[in-house]
Amino acid sequence: MEKYNINLDTQFKHQELIDVPSIVTACKEKWQNYTLTQVNDSVVRIGIVEGEFHWHKHDNDDEFFFVPEGPLLIYVENGTIELTNKALPF
């Protein structure tokens, strides 16, 4: 079984500038999850993943995925969702 590094401690204060590229560059793990900050009752996390992550679900939480590099394939009970970093055609 792979090792997943999940840090639930909030790293930054609300409205503090977060240098996401530096966080990604400093990561040396295949699977790293940091809690960056909290906004109201929600937490903002960054997940740096390479390969597969274990299947899980959140019955009482919503998730937002921003994919700056990828694709990211998310397997759900009724299929697969592919998220990419391609620009939206507005």
N, C-alpha and C. Protein backbone atom coordinates (compact mmCIF):
# COMPACT_ATOMS: atom_id res chain seq x y z
N MET A 1 0.84 -1.19 0.00
CA MET A 1 0.00 0.00 0.00
C MET A 1 0.88 1.25 0.00
N GLU A 2 0.50 2.21 -0.79
CA GLU A 2 1.25 3.45 -0.89
C GLU A 2 1.10 4.31 0.37
N LYS A 3 2.07 5.16 0.60
CA LYS A 3 2.02 6.09 1.73
C LYS A 3 1.41 7.40 1.26
N TYR A 4 0.36 7.83 1.93
CA TYR A 4 -0.29 9.10 1.62
C TYR A 4 0.04 10.08 2.73
N ASN A 5 0.64 11.21 2.38
CA ASN A 5 0.97 12.24 3.36
C ASN A 5 -0.15 13.26 3.38
N ILE A 6 -0.94 13.23 4.46
CA ILE A 6 -2.07 14.13 4.58
C ILE A 6 -1.89 14.98 5.83
N ASN A 7 -1.76 16.29 5.63
CA ASN A 7 -1.56 17.22 6.74
C ASN A 7 -2.82 18.06 6.89
N LEU A 8 -3.55 17.86 7.98
CA LEU A 8 -4.81 18.56 8.20
C LEU A 8 -4.63 19.88 8.97
N ASP A 9 -3.40 20.20 9.37
CA ASP A 9 -3.14 21.47 10.06
C ASP A 9 -3.19 22.62 9.06
N THR A 10 -3.92 23.67 9.40
CA THR A 10 -4.03 24.84 8.52
C THR A 10 -2.68 25.54 8.44
N GLN A 11 -2.18 25.72 7.22
CA GLN A 11 -0.85 26.28 6.99
C GLN A 11 -0.81 27.81 6.89
N PHE A 12 -1.91 28.43 6.46
CA PHE A 12 -1.92 29.87 6.22
C PHE A 12 -3.17 30.49 6.82
N LYS A 13 -3.05 31.75 7.23
CA LYS A 13 -4.19 32.49 7.76
C LYS A 13 -5.12 32.90 6.62
N HIS A 14 -6.37 33.17 6.96
CA HIS A 14 -7.35 33.63 5.98
C HIS A 14 -6.82 34.89 5.29
N GLN A 15 -6.88 34.93 3.99
CA GLN A 15 -6.45 36.03 3.12
C GLN A 15 -4.94 36.23 3.10
N GLU A 16 -4.18 35.31 3.64
CA GLU A 16 -2.72 35.37 3.53
C GLU A 16 -2.33 34.89 2.12
N LEU A 17 -1.35 35.55 1.51
CA LEU A 17 -0.89 35.17 0.19
C LEU A 17 -0.26 33.77 0.23
N ILE A 18 -0.68 32.91 -0.67
CA ILE A 18 -0.18 31.54 -0.73
C ILE A 18 0.52 31.34 -2.08
N ASP A 19 1.79 31.01 -2.04
CA ASP A 19 2.59 30.79 -3.24
C ASP A 19 2.49 29.32 -3.63
N VAL A 20 1.44 28.98 -4.37
CA VAL A 20 1.17 27.60 -4.74
C VAL A 20 2.31 26.99 -5.56
N PRO A 21 2.87 27.68 -6.58
CA PRO A 21 3.98 27.07 -7.32
C PRO A 21 5.16 26.68 -6.43
N SER A 22 5.45 27.48 -5.42
CA SER A 22 6.55 27.13 -4.50
C SER A 22 6.24 25.89 -3.68
N ILE A 23 4.98 25.76 -3.26
CA ILE A 23 4.57 24.58 -2.51
C ILE A 23 4.72 23.33 -3.37
N VAL A 24 4.29 23.42 -4.62
CA VAL A 24 4.38 22.28 -5.53
C VAL A 24 5.84 21.93 -5.79
N THR A 25 6.68 22.92 -6.03
CA THR A 25 8.09 22.69 -6.31
C THR A 25 8.80 22.05 -5.12
N ALA A 26 8.43 22.46 -3.92
CA ALA A 26 9.08 21.93 -2.71
C ALA A 26 8.64 20.51 -2.38
N CYS A 27 7.55 20.05 -2.94
CA CYS A 27 7.02 18.72 -2.63
C CYS A 27 7.90 17.65 -3.27
N LYS A 28 8.35 16.71 -2.46
CA LYS A 28 9.18 15.60 -2.95
C LYS A 28 8.46 14.26 -2.87
N GLU A 29 7.19 14.28 -2.45
CA GLU A 29 6.40 13.07 -2.29
C GLU A 29 5.50 12.85 -3.51
N LYS A 30 5.10 11.60 -3.75
CA LYS A 30 4.15 11.30 -4.82
C LYS A 30 2.74 11.73 -4.44
N TRP A 31 2.40 11.63 -3.17
CA TRP A 31 1.07 11.96 -2.68
C TRP A 31 1.20 12.87 -1.48
N GLN A 32 0.84 14.12 -1.64
CA GLN A 32 0.91 15.08 -0.53
C GLN A 32 -0.38 15.88 -0.52
N ASN A 33 -0.97 16.03 0.64
CA ASN A 33 -2.20 16.79 0.80
C ASN A 33 -2.01 17.76 1.96
N TYR A 34 -2.07 19.05 1.68
CA TYR A 34 -1.93 20.09 2.70
C TYR A 34 -3.25 20.83 2.86
N THR A 35 -3.60 21.17 4.08
CA THR A 35 -4.69 22.09 4.32
C THR A 35 -4.08 23.49 4.28
N LEU A 36 -4.42 24.25 3.25
CA LEU A 36 -3.81 25.57 3.09
C LEU A 36 -4.43 26.60 4.02
N THR A 37 -5.75 26.73 3.98
CA THR A 37 -6.42 27.77 4.76
C THR A 37 -7.88 27.38 4.97
N GLN A 38 -8.58 28.19 5.70
CA GLN A 38 -10.01 27.97 5.92
C GLN A 38 -10.77 29.21 5.48
N VAL A 39 -11.88 29.00 4.78
CA VAL A 39 -12.76 30.07 4.34
C VAL A 39 -14.16 29.73 4.87
N ASN A 40 -14.62 30.52 5.82
CA ASN A 40 -15.89 30.24 6.50
C ASN A 40 -15.84 28.82 7.07
N ASP A 41 -16.79 27.96 6.69
CA ASP A 41 -16.82 26.59 7.21
C ASP A 41 -16.13 25.59 6.29
N SER A 42 -15.42 26.08 5.28
CA SER A 42 -14.76 25.19 4.32
C SER A 42 -13.24 25.29 4.46
N VAL A 43 -12.57 24.20 4.13
CA VAL A 43 -11.12 24.22 4.10
C VAL A 43 -10.65 24.18 2.65
N VAL A 44 -9.51 24.81 2.41
CA VAL A 44 -8.89 24.82 1.09
C VAL A 44 -7.65 23.96 1.18
N ARG A 45 -7.62 22.91 0.38
CA ARG A 45 -6.49 21.98 0.42
C ARG A 45 -5.82 21.92 -0.95
N ILE A 46 -4.55 21.57 -0.92
CA ILE A 46 -3.84 21.29 -2.16
C ILE A 46 -3.43 19.83 -2.12
N GLY A 47 -3.73 19.14 -3.18
CA GLY A 47 -3.33 17.74 -3.30
C GLY A 47 -2.37 17.60 -4.45
N ILE A 48 -1.19 17.11 -4.16
CA ILE A 48 -0.20 16.85 -5.19
C ILE A 48 -0.14 15.34 -5.33
N VAL A 49 -0.56 14.84 -6.48
CA VAL A 49 -0.69 13.40 -6.65
C VAL A 49 0.00 12.93 -7.91
N GLU A 50 0.58 11.75 -7.82
CA GLU A 50 1.17 11.08 -8.98
C GLU A 50 0.69 9.63 -8.91
N GLY A 51 -0.01 9.20 -9.91
CA GLY A 51 -0.55 7.85 -9.89
C GLY A 51 -1.92 7.82 -9.25
N GLU A 52 -2.27 6.68 -8.68
CA GLU A 52 -3.61 6.49 -8.12
C GLU A 52 -3.65 6.81 -6.63
N PHE A 53 -4.78 7.34 -6.19
CA PHE A 53 -5.07 7.59 -4.78
C PHE A 53 -6.21 6.67 -4.41
N HIS A 54 -6.27 6.23 -3.19
CA HIS A 54 -7.30 5.27 -2.78
C HIS A 54 -8.70 5.84 -2.98
N TRP A 55 -9.64 4.97 -3.34
CA TRP A 55 -11.02 5.40 -3.54
C TRP A 55 -11.63 5.71 -2.19
N HIS A 56 -12.29 6.85 -2.11
CA HIS A 56 -12.98 7.25 -0.89
C HIS A 56 -14.09 8.22 -1.26
N LYS A 57 -14.95 8.54 -0.32
CA LYS A 57 -15.99 9.52 -0.60
C LYS A 57 -16.27 10.34 0.65
N HIS A 58 -16.90 11.47 0.42
CA HIS A 58 -17.26 12.39 1.49
C HIS A 58 -18.78 12.56 1.45
N ASP A 59 -19.46 11.93 2.36
CA ASP A 59 -20.93 11.98 2.36
C ASP A 59 -21.49 13.36 2.71
N ASN A 60 -20.77 14.12 3.52
CA ASN A 60 -21.29 15.40 4.01
C ASN A 60 -20.47 16.60 3.58
N ASP A 61 -19.59 16.42 2.60
CA ASP A 61 -18.74 17.52 2.15
C ASP A 61 -18.80 17.64 0.64
N ASP A 62 -18.65 18.86 0.15
CA ASP A 62 -18.48 19.11 -1.27
C ASP A 62 -16.99 19.28 -1.52
N GLU A 63 -16.55 18.98 -2.73
CA GLU A 63 -15.15 19.18 -3.09
C GLU A 63 -15.06 20.00 -4.37
N PHE A 64 -14.06 20.84 -4.41
CA PHE A 64 -13.75 21.65 -5.58
C PHE A 64 -12.35 21.25 -6.03
N PHE A 65 -12.16 20.99 -7.32
CA PHE A 65 -10.86 20.61 -7.84
C PHE A 65 -10.40 21.65 -8.86
N PHE A 66 -9.26 22.24 -8.61
CA PHE A 66 -8.59 23.13 -9.54
C PHE A 66 -7.36 22.38 -10.02
N VAL A 67 -7.25 22.17 -11.33
CA VAL A 67 -6.19 21.33 -11.88
C VAL A 67 -5.25 22.21 -12.70
N PRO A 68 -4.14 22.67 -12.11
CA PRO A 68 -3.21 23.51 -12.87
C PRO A 68 -2.35 22.70 -13.84
N GLU A 69 -2.20 21.42 -13.59
CA GLU A 69 -1.40 20.56 -14.45
C GLU A 69 -2.02 19.18 -14.40
N GLY A 70 -2.15 18.55 -15.51
CA GLY A 70 -2.79 17.25 -15.40
C GLY A 70 -3.14 16.70 -16.74
N PRO A 71 -3.90 15.69 -16.80
CA PRO A 71 -5.28 15.53 -16.35
C PRO A 71 -5.39 14.86 -14.98
N LEU A 72 -6.56 15.01 -14.39
CA LEU A 72 -6.93 14.35 -13.15
C LEU A 72 -8.18 13.52 -13.44
N LEU A 73 -8.06 12.21 -13.25
CA LEU A 73 -9.20 11.32 -13.45
C LEU A 73 -9.80 11.01 -12.08
N ILE A 74 -11.11 11.23 -11.96
CA ILE A 74 -11.81 10.95 -10.72
C ILE A 74 -12.82 9.86 -11.00
N TYR A 75 -12.65 8.75 -10.32
CA TYR A 75 -13.55 7.62 -10.49
C TYR A 75 -14.68 7.75 -9.47
N VAL A 76 -15.90 7.83 -9.97
CA VAL A 76 -17.08 7.93 -9.12
C VAL A 76 -17.91 6.66 -9.32
N GLU A 77 -18.93 6.50 -8.50
CA GLU A 77 -19.70 5.25 -8.52
C GLU A 77 -20.29 4.93 -9.89
N ASN A 78 -20.63 5.94 -10.68
CA ASN A 78 -21.28 5.68 -11.97
C ASN A 78 -20.42 6.07 -13.18
N GLY A 79 -19.10 6.15 -13.01
CA GLY A 79 -18.25 6.47 -14.15
C GLY A 79 -16.98 7.19 -13.76
N THR A 80 -16.40 7.86 -14.74
CA THR A 80 -15.14 8.58 -14.55
C THR A 80 -15.30 10.01 -15.02
N ILE A 81 -14.75 10.93 -14.25
CA ILE A 81 -14.74 12.35 -14.61
C ILE A 81 -13.29 12.73 -14.89
N GLU A 82 -13.04 13.36 -16.02
CA GLU A 82 -11.68 13.81 -16.35
C GLU A 82 -11.62 15.33 -16.23
N LEU A 83 -10.72 15.81 -15.40
CA LEU A 83 -10.48 17.25 -15.24
C LEU A 83 -9.11 17.57 -15.85
N THR A 84 -9.05 18.66 -16.60
CA THR A 84 -7.79 19.07 -17.21
C THR A 84 -7.54 20.55 -16.95
N ASN A 85 -6.40 21.02 -17.36
CA ASN A 85 -6.06 22.42 -17.19
C ASN A 85 -6.27 23.21 -18.48
N LYS A 86 -7.07 22.71 -19.38
CA LYS A 86 -7.34 23.42 -20.63
C LYS A 86 -8.23 24.63 -20.37
N ALA A 87 -7.96 25.69 -21.08
CA ALA A 87 -8.75 26.90 -20.93
C ALA A 87 -10.18 26.67 -21.41
N LEU A 88 -11.12 27.29 -20.73
CA LEU A 88 -12.52 27.18 -21.13
C LEU A 88 -12.80 28.13 -22.31
N PRO A 89 -13.58 27.70 -23.29
CA PRO A 89 -13.88 28.54 -24.46
C PRO A 89 -15.01 29.54 -24.15
N PHE A 90 -14.66 30.74 -23.76
CA PHE A 90 -15.67 31.77 -23.45
C PHE A 90 -15.94 32.63 -24.66
